């Protein structure tokens, strides 16, 4: 943000400019994954989990849907982690170039 509002973005080298935009895309992708997980997947998981009862065996359909959603959430969390690692790798380029 400092680069955008203080006019210093014009002084960045081509490599730093590419790193800047890559970082912006990575961060926006992370935010979209977090939004998807928090507002789409988690409410479905909570709804299905609320149907489970301690004393009875869960419905096989609910159980398979529950574990499929958990696997999907884990897959997206793993992608989000690697995007975060990519942000950490790209960030020093902005600092030193």
PDB file of N, CA and C in Angstrom:
ATOM      1  N   UNK A   1       0.819  -1.187   0.000  1.00  0.00           N
ATOM      2  CA  UNK A   1       0.000   0.000   0.000  1.00  0.00           C
ATOM      3  C   UNK A   1       0.869   1.259   0.000  1.00  0.00           C
ATOM      4  N   UNK A   2       1.976   1.182   0.697  1.00  0.00           N
ATOM      5  CA  UNK A   2       2.873   2.326   0.739  1.00  0.00           C
ATOM      6  C   UNK A   2       3.338   2.706  -0.668  1.00  0.00           C
ATOM      7  N   UNK A   3       3.656   1.687  -1.455  1.00  0.00           N
ATOM      8  CA  UNK A   3       4.114   1.954  -2.815  1.00  0.00           C
ATOM      9  C   UNK A   3       3.037   2.641  -3.650  1.00  0.00           C
ATOM     10  N   UNK A   4       1.781   2.220  -3.474  1.00  0.00           N
ATOM     11  CA  UNK A   4       0.695   2.786  -4.278  1.00  0.00           C
ATOM     12  C   UNK A   4       0.366   4.223  -3.896  1.00  0.00           C
ATOM     13  N   UNK A   5       0.260   4.493  -2.606  1.00  0.00           N
ATOM     14  CA  UNK A   5      -0.222   5.796  -2.162  1.00  0.00           C
ATOM     15  C   UNK A   5       0.851   6.881  -2.134  1.00  0.00           C
ATOM     16  N   UNK A   6       2.102   6.502  -2.099  1.00  0.00           N
ATOM     17  CA  UNK A   6       3.160   7.503  -2.030  1.00  0.00           C
ATOM     18  C   UNK A   6       3.921   7.649  -3.343  1.00  0.00           C
ATOM     19  N   UNK A   7       3.441   7.018  -4.378  1.00  0.00           N
ATOM     20  CA  UNK A   7       4.011   7.203  -5.698  1.00  0.00           C
ATOM     21  C   UNK A   7       5.324   6.497  -5.936  1.00  0.00           C
ATOM     22  N   UNK A   8       5.765   5.678  -5.024  1.00  0.00           N
ATOM     23  CA  UNK A   8       7.043   5.005  -5.185  1.00  0.00           C
ATOM     24  C   UNK A   8       6.935   3.772  -6.064  1.00  0.00           C
ATOM     25  N   UNK A   9       5.724   3.389  -6.455  1.00  0.00           N
ATOM     26  CA  UNK A   9       5.581   2.204  -7.294  1.00  0.00           C
ATOM     27  C   UNK A   9       6.202   2.441  -8.668  1.00  0.00           C
ATOM     28  N   UNK A  10       6.277   3.685  -9.104  1.00  0.00           N
ATOM     29  CA  UNK A  10       6.875   4.013 -10.395  1.00  0.00           C
ATOM     30  C   UNK A  10       8.380   3.788 -10.376  1.00  0.00           C
ATOM     31  N   UNK A  11       8.985   3.763  -9.205  1.00  0.00           N
ATOM     32  CA  UNK A  11      10.424   3.621  -9.078  1.00  0.00           C
ATOM     33  C   UNK A  11      10.874   2.170  -8.943  1.00  0.00           C
ATOM     34  N   UNK A  12       9.946   1.234  -8.947  1.00  0.00           N
ATOM     35  CA  UNK A  12      10.308  -0.169  -8.801  1.00  0.00           C
ATOM     36  C   UNK A  12      10.905  -0.707 -10.097  1.00  0.00           C
ATOM     37  N   UNK A  13      11.835  -1.638  -9.965  1.00  0.00           N
ATOM     38  CA  UNK A  13      12.390  -2.294 -11.152  1.00  0.00           C
ATOM     39  C   UNK A  13      11.340  -3.242 -11.734  1.00  0.00           C
ATOM     40  N   UNK A  14      11.595  -3.733 -12.915  1.00  0.00           N
ATOM     41  CA  UNK A  14      10.647  -4.640 -13.569  1.00  0.00           C
ATOM     42  C   UNK A  14      10.467  -5.926 -12.752  1.00  0.00           C
ATOM     43  N   UNK A  15      11.553  -6.422 -12.185  1.00  0.00           N
ATOM     44  CA  UNK A  15      11.465  -7.640 -11.374  1.00  0.00           C
ATOM     45  C   UNK A  15      10.629  -7.394 -10.125  1.00  0.00           C
ATOM     46  N   UNK A  16      10.858  -6.265  -9.482  1.00  0.00           N
ATOM     47  CA  UNK A  16      10.087  -5.945  -8.279  1.00  0.00           C
ATOM     48  C   UNK A  16       8.623  -5.694  -8.616  1.00  0.00           C
ATOM     49  N   UNK A  17       8.345  -5.109  -9.776  1.00  0.00           N
ATOM     50  CA  UNK A  17       6.956  -4.879 -10.184  1.00  0.00           C
ATOM     51  C   UNK A  17       6.235  -6.207 -10.395  1.00  0.00           C
ATOM     52  N   UNK A  18       6.895  -7.145 -11.044  1.00  0.00           N
ATOM     53  CA  UNK A  18       6.303  -8.472 -11.239  1.00  0.00           C
ATOM     54  C   UNK A  18       6.083  -9.144  -9.888  1.00  0.00           C
ATOM     55  N   UNK A  19       7.058  -9.053  -8.993  1.00  0.00           N
ATOM     56  CA  UNK A  19       6.918  -9.637  -7.661  1.00  0.00           C
ATOM     57  C   UNK A  19       5.757  -8.991  -6.903  1.00  0.00           C
ATOM     58  N   UNK A  20       5.597  -7.681  -7.040  1.00  0.00           N
ATOM     59  CA  UNK A  20       4.507  -6.969  -6.383  1.00  0.00           C
ATOM     60  C   UNK A  20       3.152  -7.504  -6.833  1.00  0.00           C
ATOM     61  N   UNK A  21       2.975  -7.652  -8.145  1.00  0.00           N
ATOM     62  CA  UNK A  21       1.682  -8.109  -8.648  1.00  0.00           C
ATOM     63  C   UNK A  21       1.454  -9.587  -8.364  1.00  0.00           C
ATOM     64  N   UNK A  22       2.508 -10.374  -8.393  1.00  0.00           N
ATOM     65  CA  UNK A  22       2.361 -11.786  -8.016  1.00  0.00           C
ATOM     66  C   UNK A  22       1.925 -11.889  -6.562  1.00  0.00           C
ATOM     67  N   UNK A  23       2.532 -11.083  -5.700  1.00  0.00           N
ATOM     68  CA  UNK A  23       2.165 -11.099  -4.284  1.00  0.00           C
ATOM     69  C   UNK A  23       0.709 -10.685  -4.102  1.00  0.00           C
ATOM     70  N   UNK A  24       0.258  -9.678  -4.835  1.00  0.00           N
ATOM     71  CA  UNK A  24      -1.134  -9.232  -4.719  1.00  0.00           C
ATOM     72  C   UNK A  24      -2.096 -10.341  -5.125  1.00  0.00           C
ATOM     73  N   UNK A  25      -1.787 -11.029  -6.215  1.00  0.00           N
ATOM     74  CA  UNK A  25      -2.650 -12.125  -6.676  1.00  0.00           C
ATOM     75  C   UNK A  25      -2.653 -13.266  -5.658  1.00  0.00           C
ATOM     76  N   UNK A  26      -1.496 -13.589  -5.122  1.00  0.00           N
ATOM     77  CA  UNK A  26      -1.425 -14.656  -4.126  1.00  0.00           C
ATOM     78  C   UNK A  26      -2.244 -14.319  -2.882  1.00  0.00           C
ATOM     79  N   UNK A  27      -2.126 -13.103  -2.407  1.00  0.00           N
ATOM     80  CA  UNK A  27      -2.865 -12.701  -1.202  1.00  0.00           C
ATOM     81  C   UNK A  27      -4.373 -12.707  -1.474  1.00  0.00           C
ATOM     82  N   UNK A  28      -4.795 -12.213  -2.621  1.00  0.00           N
ATOM     83  CA  UNK A  28      -6.220 -12.233  -2.949  1.00  0.00           C
ATOM     84  C   UNK A  28      -6.743 -13.666  -3.098  1.00  0.00           C
ATOM     85  N   UNK A  29      -5.917 -14.561  -3.602  1.00  0.00           N
ATOM     86  CA  UNK A  29      -6.310 -15.961  -3.692  1.00  0.00           C
ATOM     87  C   UNK A  29      -6.462 -16.562  -2.303  1.00  0.00           C
ATOM     88  N   UNK A  30      -5.546 -16.243  -1.408  1.00  0.00           N
ATOM     89  CA  UNK A  30      -5.653 -16.731  -0.027  1.00  0.00           C
ATOM     90  C   UNK A  30      -6.933 -16.210   0.621  1.00  0.00           C
ATOM     91  N   UNK A  31      -7.234 -14.942   0.430  1.00  0.00           N
ATOM     92  CA  UNK A  31      -8.448 -14.359   1.010  1.00  0.00           C
ATOM     93  C   UNK A  31      -9.689 -15.048   0.443  1.00  0.00           C
ATOM     94  N   UNK A  32      -9.702 -15.341  -0.854  1.00  0.00           N
ATOM     95  CA  UNK A  32     -10.868 -15.996  -1.444  1.00  0.00           C
ATOM     96  C   UNK A  32     -11.019 -17.424  -0.929  1.00  0.00           C
ATOM     97  N   UNK A  33      -9.907 -18.127  -0.721  1.00  0.00           N
ATOM     98  CA  UNK A  33      -9.981 -19.477  -0.159  1.00  0.00           C
ATOM     99  C   UNK A  33     -10.504 -19.430   1.273  1.00  0.00           C
ATOM    100  N   UNK A  34     -10.037 -18.470   2.053  1.00  0.00           N
ATOM    101  CA  UNK A  34     -10.526 -18.334   3.428  1.00  0.00           C
ATOM    102  C   UNK A  34     -12.014 -17.986   3.461  1.00  0.00           C
ATOM    103  N   UNK A  35     -12.453 -17.132   2.538  1.00  0.00           N
ATOM    104  CA  UNK A  35     -13.878 -16.792   2.451  1.00  0.00           C
ATOM    105  C   UNK A  35     -14.688 -18.041   2.113  1.00  0.00           C
ATOM    106  N   UNK A  36     -14.234 -18.798   1.131  1.00  0.00           N
ATOM    107  CA  UNK A  36     -14.929 -20.016   0.716  1.00  0.00           C
ATOM    108  C   UNK A  36     -15.020 -21.011   1.880  1.00  0.00           C
ATOM    109  N   UNK A  37     -13.925 -21.202   2.577  1.00  0.00           N
ATOM    110  CA  UNK A  37     -13.932 -22.140   3.694  1.00  0.00           C
ATOM    111  C   UNK A  37     -14.795 -21.690   4.851  1.00  0.00           C
ATOM    112  N   UNK A  38     -14.759 -20.392   5.158  1.00  0.00           N
ATOM    113  CA  UNK A  38     -15.487 -19.882   6.320  1.00  0.00           C
ATOM    114  C   UNK A  38     -16.980 -19.748   6.083  1.00  0.00           C
ATOM    115  N   UNK A  39     -17.375 -19.349   4.889  1.00  0.00           N
ATOM    116  CA  UNK A  39     -18.782 -19.035   4.662  1.00  0.00           C
ATOM    117  C   UNK A  39     -19.531 -20.032   3.797  1.00  0.00           C
ATOM    118  N   UNK A  40     -18.837 -21.011   3.222  1.00  0.00           N
ATOM    119  CA  UNK A  40     -19.529 -22.000   2.403  1.00  0.00           C
ATOM    120  C   UNK A  40     -19.333 -23.407   2.969  1.00  0.00           C
ATOM    121  N   UNK A  41     -18.087 -23.812   3.184  1.00  0.00           N
ATOM    122  CA  UNK A  41     -17.834 -25.183   3.631  1.00  0.00           C
ATOM    123  C   UNK A  41     -18.164 -25.371   5.111  1.00  0.00           C
ATOM    124  N   UNK A  42     -17.686 -24.486   5.983  1.00  0.00           N
ATOM    125  CA  UNK A  42     -17.920 -24.662   7.421  1.00  0.00           C
ATOM    126  C   UNK A  42     -19.392 -24.664   7.820  1.00  0.00           C
ATOM    127  N   UNK A  43     -20.253 -23.795   7.276  1.00  0.00           N
ATOM    128  CA  UNK A  43     -21.676 -23.904   7.645  1.00  0.00           C
ATOM    129  C   UNK A  43     -22.293 -25.243   7.246  1.00  0.00           C
ATOM    130  N   UNK A  44     -21.883 -25.780   6.098  1.00  0.00           N
ATOM    131  CA  UNK A  44     -22.395 -27.097   5.702  1.00  0.00           C
ATOM    132  C   UNK A  44     -21.924 -28.173   6.664  1.00  0.00           C
ATOM    133  N   UNK A  45     -20.648 -28.079   7.072  1.00  0.00           N
ATOM    134  CA  UNK A  45     -20.119 -29.052   8.038  1.00  0.00           C
ATOM    135  C   UNK A  45     -20.856 -28.969   9.372  1.00  0.00           C
ATOM    136  N   UNK A  46     -21.105 -27.756   9.832  1.00  0.00           N
ATOM    137  CA  UNK A  46     -21.831 -27.588  11.098  1.00  0.00           C
ATOM    138  C   UNK A  46     -23.246 -28.150  11.007  1.00  0.00           C
ATOM    139  N   UNK A  47     -23.888 -27.932   9.858  1.00  0.00           N
ATOM    140  CA  UNK A  47     -25.254 -28.433   9.670  1.00  0.00           C
ATOM    141  C   UNK A  47     -25.284 -29.961   9.709  1.00  0.00           C
ATOM    142  N   UNK A  48     -24.360 -30.578   9.020  1.00  0.00           N
ATOM    143  CA  UNK A  48     -24.311 -32.044   9.000  1.00  0.00           C
ATOM    144  C   UNK A  48     -23.917 -32.582  10.376  1.00  0.00           C
ATOM    145  N   UNK A  49     -22.957 -31.950  11.018  1.00  0.00           N
ATOM    146  CA  UNK A  49     -22.504 -32.402  12.340  1.00  0.00           C
ATOM    147  C   UNK A  49     -23.622 -32.290  13.372  1.00  0.00           C
ATOM    148  N   UNK A  50     -24.491 -31.311  13.232  1.00  0.00           N
ATOM    149  CA  UNK A  50     -25.597 -31.147  14.173  1.00  0.00           C
ATOM    150  C   UNK A  50     -26.576 -32.312  14.078  1.00  0.00           C
ATOM    151  N   UNK A  51     -26.609 -32.988  12.938  1.00  0.00           N
ATOM    152  CA  UNK A  51     -27.518 -34.134  12.779  1.00  0.00           C
ATOM    153  C   UNK A  51     -26.996 -35.391  13.474  1.00  0.00           C
ATOM    154  N   UNK A  52     -25.713 -35.416  13.800  1.00  0.00           N
ATOM    155  CA  UNK A  52     -25.147 -36.592  14.458  1.00  0.00           C
ATOM    156  C   UNK A  52     -25.588 -36.629  15.912  1.00  0.00           C
ATOM    157  N   UNK A  53     -25.819 -37.828  16.392  1.00  0.00           N
ATOM    158  CA  UNK A  53     -26.236 -38.033  17.772  1.00  0.00           C
ATOM    159  C   UNK A  53     -25.262 -39.005  18.425  1.00  0.00           C
ATOM    160  N   UNK A  54     -24.971 -38.763  19.666  1.00  0.00           N
ATOM    161  CA  UNK A  54     -23.987 -39.582  20.383  1.00  0.00           C
ATOM    162  C   UNK A  54     -24.460 -41.017  20.551  1.00  0.00           C
ATOM    163  N   UNK A  55     -25.746 -41.216  20.705  1.00  0.00           N
ATOM    164  CA  UNK A  55     -26.277 -42.535  21.042  1.00  0.00           C
ATOM    165  C   UNK A  55     -26.656 -43.377  19.831  1.00  0.00           C
ATOM    166  N   UNK A  56     -26.709 -42.801  18.654  1.00  0.00           N
ATOM    167  CA  UNK A  56     -27.126 -43.560  17.476  1.00  0.00           C
ATOM    168  C   UNK A  56     -26.026 -43.537  16.423  1.00  0.00           C
ATOM    169  N   UNK A  57     -26.122 -44.507  15.540  1.00  0.00           N
ATOM    170  CA  UNK A  57     -25.179 -44.571  14.425  1.00  0.00           C
ATOM    171  C   UNK A  57     -25.603 -43.542  13.387  1.00  0.00           C
ATOM    172  N   UNK A  58     -24.653 -42.761  12.876  1.00  0.00           N
ATOM    173  CA  UNK A  58     -25.023 -41.736  11.905  1.00  0.00           C
ATOM    174  C   UNK A  58     -25.496 -42.340  10.579  1.00  0.00           C
ATOM    175  N   UNK A  59     -26.315 -41.580   9.909  1.00  0.00           N
ATOM    176  CA  UNK A  59     -26.782 -41.962   8.589  1.00  0.00           C
ATOM    177  C   UNK A  59     -25.554 -42.068   7.665  1.00  0.00           C
ATOM    178  N   UNK A  60     -25.408 -43.171   6.916  1.00  0.00           N
ATOM    179  CA  UNK A  60     -24.229 -43.321   6.055  1.00  0.00           C
ATOM    180  C   UNK A  60     -24.076 -42.199   5.020  1.00  0.00           C
ATOM    181  N   UNK A  61     -25.176 -41.682   4.543  1.00  0.00           N
ATOM    182  CA  UNK A  61     -25.102 -40.571   3.572  1.00  0.00           C
ATOM    183  C   UNK A  61     -24.539 -39.326   4.232  1.00  0.00           C
ATOM    184  N   UNK A  62     -25.035 -39.009   5.429  1.00  0.00           N
ATOM    185  CA  UNK A  62     -24.531 -37.846   6.161  1.00  0.00           C
ATOM    186  C   UNK A  62     -23.056 -38.021   6.511  1.00  0.00           C
ATOM    187  N   UNK A  63     -22.709 -39.240   6.918  1.00  0.00           N
ATOM    188  CA  UNK A  63     -21.333 -39.499   7.304  1.00  0.00           C
ATOM    189  C   UNK A  63     -20.382 -39.338   6.115  1.00  0.00           C
ATOM    190  N   UNK A  64     -20.750 -39.886   4.975  1.00  0.00           N
ATOM    191  CA  UNK A  64     -19.876 -39.770   3.800  1.00  0.00           C
ATOM    192  C   UNK A  64     -19.796 -38.324   3.319  1.00  0.00           C
ATOM    193  N   UNK A  65     -20.921 -37.605   3.380  1.00  0.00           N
ATOM    194  CA  UNK A  65     -20.913 -36.187   2.982  1.00  0.00           C
ATOM    195  C   UNK A  65     -20.056 -35.357   3.939  1.00  0.00           C
ATOM    196  N   UNK A  66     -20.135 -35.669   5.224  1.00  0.00           N
ATOM    197  CA  UNK A  66     -19.353 -34.962   6.225  1.00  0.00           C
ATOM    198  C   UNK A  66     -17.853 -35.140   5.977  1.00  0.00           C
ATOM    199  N   UNK A  67     -17.431 -36.385   5.776  1.00  0.00           N
ATOM    200  CA  UNK A  67     -16.006 -36.632   5.572  1.00  0.00           C
ATOM    201  C   UNK A  67     -15.529 -36.138   4.206  1.00  0.00           C
ATOM    202  N   UNK A  68     -16.408 -36.108   3.216  1.00  0.00           N
ATOM    203  CA  UNK A  68     -16.033 -35.534   1.913  1.00  0.00           C
ATOM    204  C   UNK A  68     -15.806 -34.035   2.040  1.00  0.00           C
ATOM    205  N   UNK A  69     -16.668 -33.350   2.793  1.00  0.00           N
ATOM    206  CA  UNK A  69     -16.482 -31.907   3.007  1.00  0.00           C
ATOM    207  C   UNK A  69     -15.223 -31.624   3.822  1.00  0.00           C
ATOM    208  N   UNK A  70     -14.939 -32.469   4.797  1.00  0.00           N
ATOM    209  CA  UNK A  70     -13.701 -32.289   5.577  1.00  0.00           C
ATOM    210  C   UNK A  70     -12.476 -32.481   4.702  1.00  0.00           C
ATOM    211  N   UNK A  71     -12.527 -33.444   3.798  1.00  0.00           N
ATOM    212  CA  UNK A  71     -11.403 -33.664   2.883  1.00  0.00           C
ATOM    213  C   UNK A  71     -11.235 -32.472   1.941  1.00  0.00           C
ATOM    214  N   UNK A  72     -12.356 -31.925   1.480  1.00  0.00           N
ATOM    215  CA  UNK A  72     -12.293 -30.745   0.612  1.00  0.00           C
ATOM    216  C   UNK A  72     -11.692 -29.562   1.364  1.00  0.00           C
ATOM    217  N   UNK A  73     -12.115 -29.373   2.609  1.00  0.00           N
ATOM    218  CA  UNK A  73     -11.584 -28.272   3.412  1.00  0.00           C
ATOM    219  C   UNK A  73     -10.086 -28.452   3.655  1.00  0.00           C
ATOM    220  N   UNK A  74      -9.674 -29.677   3.915  1.00  0.00           N
ATOM    221  CA  UNK A  74      -8.250 -29.943   4.125  1.00  0.00           C
ATOM    222  C   UNK A  74      -7.450 -29.658   2.859  1.00  0.00           C
ATOM    223  N   UNK A  75      -7.985 -30.029   1.717  1.00  0.00           N
ATOM    224  CA  UNK A  75      -7.302 -29.788   0.446  1.00  0.00           C
ATOM    225  C   UNK A  75      -7.118 -28.290   0.220  1.00  0.00           C
ATOM    226  N   UNK A  76      -8.172 -27.497   0.466  1.00  0.00           N
ATOM    227  CA  UNK A  76      -8.084 -26.047   0.272  1.00  0.00           C
ATOM    228  C   UNK A  76      -7.171 -25.406   1.312  1.00  0.00           C
ATOM    229  N   UNK A  77      -7.159 -25.920   2.534  1.00  0.00           N
ATOM    230  CA  UNK A  77      -6.246 -25.393   3.557  1.00  0.00           C
ATOM    231  C   UNK A  77      -4.795 -25.661   3.179  1.00  0.00           C
ATOM    232  N   UNK A  78      -4.544 -26.822   2.603  1.00  0.00           N
ATOM    233  CA  UNK A  78      -3.194 -27.147   2.163  1.00  0.00           C
ATOM    234  C   UNK A  78      -2.756 -26.199   1.041  1.00  0.00           C
ATOM    235  N   UNK A  79      -3.642 -25.926   0.101  1.00  0.00           N
ATOM    236  CA  UNK A  79      -3.333 -24.975  -0.971  1.00  0.00           C
ATOM    237  C   UNK A  79      -3.072 -23.585  -0.404  1.00  0.00           C
ATOM    238  N   UNK A  80      -3.861 -23.202   0.571  1.00  0.00           N
ATOM    239  CA  UNK A  80      -3.700 -21.890   1.196  1.00  0.00           C
ATOM    240  C   UNK A  80      -2.344 -21.792   1.889  1.00  0.00           C
ATOM    241  N   UNK A  81      -1.918 -22.873   2.530  1.00  0.00           N
ATOM    242  CA  UNK A  81      -0.619 -22.867   3.191  1.00  0.00           C
ATOM    243  C   UNK A  81       0.498 -22.663   2.170  1.00  0.00           C
ATOM    244  N   UNK A  82       0.443 -23.360   1.048  1.00  0.00           N
ATOM    245  CA  UNK A  82       1.489 -23.224   0.032  1.00  0.00           C
ATOM    246  C   UNK A  82       1.457 -21.854  -0.622  1.00  0.00           C
ATOM    247  N   UNK A  83       0.279 -21.263  -0.755  1.00  0.00           N
ATOM    248  CA  UNK A  83       0.207 -19.888  -1.254  1.00  0.00           C
ATOM    249  C   UNK A  83       0.864 -18.926  -0.268  1.00  0.00           C
ATOM    250  N   UNK A  84       0.666 -19.178   1.026  1.00  0.00           N
ATOM    251  CA  UNK A  84       1.318 -18.360   2.053  1.00  0.00           C
ATOM    252  C   UNK A  84       2.828 -18.487   1.993  1.00  0.00           C
ATOM    253  N   UNK A  85       3.321 -19.702   1.741  1.00  0.00           N
ATOM    254  CA  UNK A  85       4.763 -19.900   1.581  1.00  0.00           C
ATOM    255  C   UNK A  85       5.262 -19.129   0.359  1.00  0.00           C
ATOM    256  N   UNK A  86       4.480 -19.147  -0.717  1.00  0.00           N
ATOM    257  CA  UNK A  86       4.865 -18.402  -1.922  1.00  0.00           C
ATOM    258  C   UNK A  86       4.915 -16.901  -1.645  1.00  0.00           C
ATOM    259  N   UNK A  87       3.982 -16.394  -0.844  1.00  0.00           N
ATOM    260  CA  UNK A  87       4.006 -14.971  -0.477  1.00  0.00           C
ATOM    261  C   UNK A  87       5.280 -14.660   0.302  1.00  0.00           C
ATOM    262  N   UNK A  88       5.654 -15.545   1.211  1.00  0.00           N
ATOM    263  CA  UNK A  88       6.880 -15.333   1.984  1.00  0.00           C
ATOM    264  C   UNK A  88       8.130 -15.372   1.110  1.00  0.00           C
ATOM    265  N   UNK A  89       8.091 -16.140   0.048  1.00  0.00           N
ATOM    266  CA  UNK A  89       9.238 -16.209  -0.857  1.00  0.00           C
ATOM    267  C   UNK A  89       9.312 -14.966  -1.738  1.00  0.00           C
ATOM    268  N   UNK A  90       8.159 -14.471  -2.186  1.00  0.00           N
ATOM    269  CA  UNK A  90       8.121 -13.313  -3.091  1.00  0.00           C
ATOM    270  C   UNK A  90       8.373 -12.006  -2.342  1.00  0.00           C
ATOM    271  N   UNK A  91       8.005 -11.917  -1.097  1.00  0.00           N
ATOM    272  CA  UNK A  91       8.085 -10.667  -0.337  1.00  0.00           C
ATOM    273  C   UNK A  91       9.492 -10.058  -0.241  1.00  0.00           C
ATOM    274  N   UNK A  92      10.537 -10.832  -0.026  1.00  0.00           N
ATOM    275  CA  UNK A  92      11.861 -10.205   0.062  1.00  0.00           C
ATOM    276  C   UNK A  92      12.309  -9.527  -1.240  1.00  0.00           C
ATOM    277  N   UNK A  93      11.792  -9.972  -2.358  1.00  0.00           N
ATOM    278  CA  UNK A  93      12.146  -9.326  -3.634  1.00  0.00           C
ATOM    279  C   UNK A  93      11.734  -7.873  -3.605  1.00  0.00           C
ATOM    280  N   UNK A  94      10.579  -7.583  -3.029  1.00  0.00           N
ATOM    281  CA  UNK A  94      10.108  -6.200  -2.942  1.00  0.00           C
ATOM    282  C   UNK A  94      10.997  -5.362  -2.023  1.00  0.00           C
ATOM    283  N   UNK A  95      11.532  -5.990  -1.024  1.00  0.00           N
ATOM    284  CA  UNK A  95      12.335  -5.265  -0.041  1.00  0.00           C
ATOM    285  C   UNK A  95      13.713  -4.886  -0.598  1.00  0.00           C
ATOM    286  N   UNK A  96      14.324  -5.823  -1.347  1.00  0.00           N
ATOM    287  CA  UNK A  96      15.704  -5.580  -1.762  1.00  0.00           C
ATOM    288  C   UNK A  96      15.854  -5.064  -3.188  1.00  0.00           C
ATOM    289  N   UNK A  97      14.808  -5.074  -3.998  1.00  0.00           N
ATOM    290  CA  UNK A  97      14.963  -4.596  -5.376  1.00  0.00           C
ATOM    291  C   UNK A  97      14.254  -3.279  -5.587  1.00  0.00           C
TER     292      UNK A  97
END
